């Protein structure tokens, strides 16, 4: 999938925040003016990525009206690890969780 990294990085950075398709496309094209043909190609690629992420349960789609929808990273995924979620998975700065040594 061509745009999977960009979509995952954007949505996972803000779990629970809703994004419209236009916002995701603007993020991928870096705000540049692109032709309608290029914008449509990006939209189709992003839709395919979002469809796969929805199928795996990582992204939720919320329908607004008949033609609009928003997408958000499933915030429930962050808290299904267990009791020590803050110790094991919510490290900051990309550090590895500390190991506890028992014994002498």
N, C-alpha and C. Protein backbone atom coordinates (compact mmCIF):
# COMPACT_ATOMS: atom_id res chain seq x y z
N UNK A 1 0.84 -1.17 0.00
CA UNK A 1 0.00 0.00 0.00
C UNK A 1 0.89 1.24 0.00
N UNK A 2 0.61 2.10 -0.93
CA UNK A 2 1.49 3.24 -1.17
C UNK A 2 1.47 4.27 -0.03
N UNK A 3 0.33 4.54 0.55
CA UNK A 3 0.21 5.60 1.55
C UNK A 3 0.00 5.08 2.97
N UNK A 4 0.26 3.82 3.21
CA UNK A 4 -0.01 3.23 4.51
C UNK A 4 0.79 3.89 5.63
N UNK A 5 2.07 4.13 5.39
CA UNK A 5 2.92 4.72 6.43
C UNK A 5 2.42 6.11 6.82
N UNK A 6 2.09 6.93 5.84
CA UNK A 6 1.63 8.29 6.12
C UNK A 6 0.30 8.29 6.87
N UNK A 7 -0.62 7.43 6.46
CA UNK A 7 -1.93 7.37 7.11
C UNK A 7 -1.79 6.87 8.54
N UNK A 8 -1.03 5.82 8.74
CA UNK A 8 -0.85 5.27 10.08
C UNK A 8 -0.15 6.28 10.99
N UNK A 9 0.89 6.93 10.48
CA UNK A 9 1.60 7.92 11.30
C UNK A 9 0.69 9.07 11.72
N UNK A 10 -0.16 9.52 10.81
CA UNK A 10 -1.06 10.63 11.14
C UNK A 10 -2.12 10.21 12.15
N UNK A 11 -2.82 9.14 11.87
CA UNK A 11 -3.92 8.74 12.75
C UNK A 11 -3.44 8.24 14.11
N UNK A 12 -2.35 7.48 14.13
CA UNK A 12 -1.87 6.93 15.40
C UNK A 12 -1.26 8.01 16.29
N UNK A 13 -0.81 9.11 15.70
CA UNK A 13 -0.25 10.19 16.51
C UNK A 13 -1.34 10.90 17.32
N UNK A 14 -2.58 10.81 16.87
CA UNK A 14 -3.70 11.47 17.55
C UNK A 14 -4.83 10.47 17.76
N UNK A 15 -4.66 9.49 18.65
CA UNK A 15 -5.72 8.49 18.85
C UNK A 15 -6.99 9.16 19.38
N UNK A 16 -8.10 8.81 18.78
CA UNK A 16 -9.38 9.36 19.22
C UNK A 16 -9.79 10.62 18.47
N UNK A 17 -8.87 11.26 17.76
CA UNK A 17 -9.20 12.47 16.99
C UNK A 17 -9.74 12.05 15.64
N UNK A 18 -10.82 12.71 15.23
CA UNK A 18 -11.45 12.38 13.96
C UNK A 18 -10.83 13.20 12.82
N UNK A 19 -10.56 12.54 11.71
CA UNK A 19 -10.00 13.18 10.53
C UNK A 19 -10.95 12.97 9.36
N UNK A 20 -11.19 14.03 8.61
CA UNK A 20 -11.92 13.90 7.36
C UNK A 20 -10.96 13.44 6.28
N UNK A 21 -11.49 12.87 5.21
CA UNK A 21 -10.66 12.40 4.10
C UNK A 21 -9.81 13.54 3.53
N UNK A 22 -10.40 14.73 3.41
CA UNK A 22 -9.67 15.87 2.85
C UNK A 22 -8.46 16.23 3.71
N UNK A 23 -8.57 16.11 5.02
CA UNK A 23 -7.44 16.40 5.91
C UNK A 23 -6.33 15.38 5.72
N UNK A 24 -6.69 14.13 5.55
CA UNK A 24 -5.69 13.08 5.36
C UNK A 24 -4.98 13.27 4.02
N UNK A 25 -5.74 13.60 2.99
CA UNK A 25 -5.14 13.84 1.67
C UNK A 25 -4.22 15.05 1.72
N UNK A 26 -4.64 16.11 2.41
CA UNK A 26 -3.79 17.31 2.55
C UNK A 26 -2.49 16.97 3.26
N UNK A 27 -2.55 16.10 4.26
CA UNK A 27 -1.35 15.69 4.97
C UNK A 27 -0.40 14.92 4.04
N UNK A 28 -0.94 14.04 3.24
CA UNK A 28 -0.11 13.22 2.35
C UNK A 28 0.50 14.06 1.24
N UNK A 29 -0.27 15.00 0.69
CA UNK A 29 0.27 15.84 -0.39
C UNK A 29 1.07 17.01 0.15
N UNK A 30 1.19 17.09 1.46
CA UNK A 30 1.95 18.15 2.14
C UNK A 30 1.44 19.54 1.80
N UNK A 31 0.13 19.64 1.55
CA UNK A 31 -0.50 20.92 1.31
C UNK A 31 -0.23 21.52 -0.06
N UNK A 32 0.46 20.79 -0.92
CA UNK A 32 0.75 21.31 -2.26
C UNK A 32 -0.51 21.28 -3.12
N UNK A 33 -0.53 22.17 -4.11
CA UNK A 33 -1.61 22.11 -5.09
C UNK A 33 -1.31 20.97 -6.05
N UNK A 34 -2.23 20.05 -6.15
CA UNK A 34 -2.07 18.92 -7.06
C UNK A 34 -3.25 18.93 -8.02
N UNK A 35 -3.07 18.32 -9.14
CA UNK A 35 -4.14 18.26 -10.14
C UNK A 35 -5.27 17.39 -9.62
N UNK A 36 -6.47 17.60 -10.14
CA UNK A 36 -7.60 16.75 -9.71
C UNK A 36 -7.35 15.26 -9.94
N UNK A 37 -6.62 14.93 -10.99
CA UNK A 37 -6.30 13.53 -11.26
C UNK A 37 -5.40 12.96 -10.18
N UNK A 38 -4.37 13.71 -9.79
CA UNK A 38 -3.47 13.25 -8.73
C UNK A 38 -4.20 13.16 -7.40
N UNK A 39 -5.04 14.16 -7.10
CA UNK A 39 -5.79 14.14 -5.84
C UNK A 39 -6.70 12.92 -5.78
N UNK A 40 -7.34 12.59 -6.89
CA UNK A 40 -8.22 11.42 -6.93
C UNK A 40 -7.42 10.13 -6.73
N UNK A 41 -6.22 10.06 -7.32
CA UNK A 41 -5.37 8.87 -7.15
C UNK A 41 -4.97 8.72 -5.68
N UNK A 42 -4.62 9.83 -5.03
CA UNK A 42 -4.27 9.79 -3.60
C UNK A 42 -5.48 9.37 -2.79
N UNK A 43 -6.65 9.91 -3.11
CA UNK A 43 -7.87 9.58 -2.37
C UNK A 43 -8.19 8.09 -2.46
N UNK A 44 -8.03 7.52 -3.64
CA UNK A 44 -8.29 6.09 -3.81
C UNK A 44 -7.29 5.26 -3.00
N UNK A 45 -6.01 5.65 -3.03
CA UNK A 45 -4.99 4.95 -2.26
C UNK A 45 -5.24 5.04 -0.76
N UNK A 46 -5.62 6.23 -0.29
CA UNK A 46 -5.90 6.42 1.14
C UNK A 46 -7.14 5.61 1.53
N UNK A 47 -8.14 5.60 0.67
CA UNK A 47 -9.35 4.84 0.97
C UNK A 47 -9.04 3.35 1.12
N UNK A 48 -8.16 2.83 0.27
CA UNK A 48 -7.78 1.41 0.37
C UNK A 48 -7.07 1.12 1.68
N UNK A 49 -6.17 2.02 2.08
CA UNK A 49 -5.46 1.85 3.35
C UNK A 49 -6.45 1.89 4.50
N UNK A 50 -7.35 2.88 4.51
CA UNK A 50 -8.32 2.99 5.58
C UNK A 50 -9.26 1.78 5.62
N UNK A 51 -9.59 1.26 4.46
CA UNK A 51 -10.45 0.08 4.40
C UNK A 51 -9.78 -1.13 5.06
N UNK A 52 -8.49 -1.32 4.80
CA UNK A 52 -7.77 -2.43 5.44
C UNK A 52 -7.62 -2.21 6.94
N UNK A 53 -7.34 -0.98 7.34
CA UNK A 53 -7.20 -0.68 8.77
C UNK A 53 -8.53 -0.83 9.50
N UNK A 54 -9.63 -0.49 8.83
CA UNK A 54 -10.95 -0.71 9.43
C UNK A 54 -11.23 -2.20 9.58
N UNK A 55 -10.84 -2.97 8.59
CA UNK A 55 -11.05 -4.42 8.64
C UNK A 55 -10.30 -5.09 9.77
N UNK A 56 -9.13 -4.54 10.11
CA UNK A 56 -8.34 -5.11 11.20
C UNK A 56 -8.72 -4.52 12.56
N UNK A 57 -9.61 -3.54 12.57
CA UNK A 57 -10.06 -2.96 13.84
C UNK A 57 -9.18 -1.84 14.36
N UNK A 58 -8.22 -1.38 13.60
CA UNK A 58 -7.33 -0.33 14.07
C UNK A 58 -7.90 1.06 13.85
N UNK A 59 -8.79 1.20 12.89
CA UNK A 59 -9.39 2.49 12.57
C UNK A 59 -10.90 2.33 12.61
N UNK A 60 -11.56 3.36 13.16
CA UNK A 60 -13.01 3.42 13.16
C UNK A 60 -13.46 4.43 12.12
N UNK A 61 -14.58 4.15 11.50
CA UNK A 61 -15.19 5.09 10.58
C UNK A 61 -16.49 5.55 11.18
N UNK A 62 -16.67 6.86 11.27
CA UNK A 62 -17.92 7.41 11.78
C UNK A 62 -18.59 8.16 10.65
N UNK A 63 -19.79 7.74 10.33
CA UNK A 63 -20.55 8.37 9.26
C UNK A 63 -21.23 9.61 9.80
N UNK A 64 -21.06 10.73 9.09
CA UNK A 64 -21.74 11.96 9.45
C UNK A 64 -23.05 12.05 8.69
N UNK A 65 -22.95 12.37 7.43
CA UNK A 65 -24.12 12.41 6.55
C UNK A 65 -24.00 11.25 5.57
N UNK A 66 -24.78 11.29 4.54
CA UNK A 66 -24.74 10.19 3.58
C UNK A 66 -23.45 10.19 2.77
N UNK A 67 -22.84 11.37 2.59
CA UNK A 67 -21.64 11.44 1.76
C UNK A 67 -20.38 11.77 2.54
N UNK A 68 -20.47 11.94 3.84
CA UNK A 68 -19.27 12.30 4.60
C UNK A 68 -19.00 11.28 5.70
N UNK A 69 -17.73 11.16 6.03
CA UNK A 69 -17.32 10.26 7.11
C UNK A 69 -16.04 10.80 7.72
N UNK A 70 -15.79 10.43 8.95
CA UNK A 70 -14.52 10.75 9.59
C UNK A 70 -13.87 9.44 10.01
N UNK A 71 -12.56 9.48 10.13
CA UNK A 71 -11.79 8.30 10.47
C UNK A 71 -10.95 8.63 11.70
N UNK A 72 -10.84 7.67 12.61
CA UNK A 72 -10.02 7.87 13.80
C UNK A 72 -9.35 6.57 14.18
N UNK A 73 -8.14 6.71 14.74
CA UNK A 73 -7.40 5.58 15.27
C UNK A 73 -8.16 5.09 16.48
N UNK A 74 -8.38 3.82 16.60
CA UNK A 74 -9.16 3.24 17.68
C UNK A 74 -8.43 3.44 19.01
N UNK A 75 -8.93 4.34 19.86
CA UNK A 75 -8.24 4.59 21.13
C UNK A 75 -8.29 3.41 22.09
N UNK A 76 -9.20 2.46 21.87
CA UNK A 76 -9.30 1.29 22.74
C UNK A 76 -8.08 0.39 22.60
N UNK A 77 -7.41 0.45 21.47
CA UNK A 77 -6.25 -0.42 21.25
C UNK A 77 -5.11 -0.11 22.22
N UNK A 78 -5.03 1.13 22.67
CA UNK A 78 -3.95 1.50 23.57
C UNK A 78 -4.08 0.87 24.94
N UNK A 79 -5.29 0.49 25.33
CA UNK A 79 -5.49 0.05 26.70
C UNK A 79 -5.89 -1.42 26.81
N UNK A 80 -5.62 -2.20 25.80
CA UNK A 80 -5.94 -3.62 25.86
C UNK A 80 -4.73 -4.46 26.24
N UNK A 81 -3.64 -3.84 26.63
CA UNK A 81 -2.41 -4.56 26.93
C UNK A 81 -2.48 -5.23 28.30
N UNK A 82 -3.05 -4.56 29.27
CA UNK A 82 -3.16 -5.14 30.59
C UNK A 82 -2.94 -4.12 31.68
N UNK A 83 -2.69 -4.61 32.89
CA UNK A 83 -2.55 -3.74 34.05
C UNK A 83 -1.38 -2.78 33.93
N UNK A 84 -0.24 -3.27 33.47
CA UNK A 84 0.97 -2.45 33.43
C UNK A 84 1.12 -1.73 32.09
N UNK A 85 0.03 -1.25 31.57
CA UNK A 85 0.07 -0.60 30.26
C UNK A 85 0.98 0.62 30.29
N UNK A 86 0.92 1.41 31.34
CA UNK A 86 1.78 2.60 31.40
C UNK A 86 3.25 2.24 31.45
N UNK A 87 3.59 1.15 32.09
CA UNK A 87 4.98 0.73 32.19
C UNK A 87 5.44 0.06 30.91
N UNK A 88 4.59 -0.77 30.31
CA UNK A 88 5.01 -1.59 29.19
C UNK A 88 4.86 -0.96 27.82
N UNK A 89 3.86 -0.11 27.62
CA UNK A 89 3.63 0.35 26.25
C UNK A 89 3.60 1.85 26.07
N UNK A 90 3.52 2.63 27.10
CA UNK A 90 3.41 4.07 26.95
C UNK A 90 4.72 4.78 27.26
N UNK A 91 5.81 4.23 26.78
CA UNK A 91 7.09 4.89 26.98
C UNK A 91 7.16 6.13 26.14
N UNK A 92 7.86 7.12 26.64
CA UNK A 92 8.00 8.36 25.88
C UNK A 92 9.39 8.44 25.30
N UNK A 93 9.50 9.16 24.23
CA UNK A 93 10.81 9.38 23.61
C UNK A 93 11.36 8.16 22.90
N UNK A 94 10.56 7.15 22.66
CA UNK A 94 11.02 5.97 21.94
C UNK A 94 11.94 5.07 22.75
N UNK A 95 11.92 5.20 24.06
CA UNK A 95 12.78 4.35 24.88
C UNK A 95 12.13 2.99 25.08
N UNK A 96 12.91 2.05 25.44
CA UNK A 96 12.43 0.69 25.70
C UNK A 96 11.99 0.61 27.16
N UNK A 97 10.95 -0.17 27.41
CA UNK A 97 10.46 -0.33 28.77
C UNK A 97 11.58 -0.86 29.67
N UNK A 98 11.70 -0.32 30.89
CA UNK A 98 12.76 -0.78 31.77
C UNK A 98 12.54 -2.23 32.20
N UNK A 99 13.64 -2.94 32.38
CA UNK A 99 13.59 -4.33 32.80
C UNK A 99 13.84 -4.38 34.30
N UNK A 100 13.16 -5.28 34.95
CA UNK A 100 13.33 -5.45 36.39
C UNK A 100 14.20 -6.69 36.61
N UNK A 101 15.30 -6.51 37.32
CA UNK A 101 16.19 -7.62 37.61
C UNK A 101 15.92 -8.11 39.02
N UNK A 102 15.71 -9.40 39.16
CA UNK A 102 15.46 -9.99 40.47
C UNK A 102 16.64 -10.90 40.80
N UNK A 103 17.12 -10.78 42.01
CA UNK A 103 18.22 -11.64 42.42
C UNK A 103 19.44 -10.82 42.80
N UNK A 104 20.56 -11.51 42.93
CA UNK A 104 21.78 -10.84 43.38
C UNK A 104 22.63 -10.34 42.25
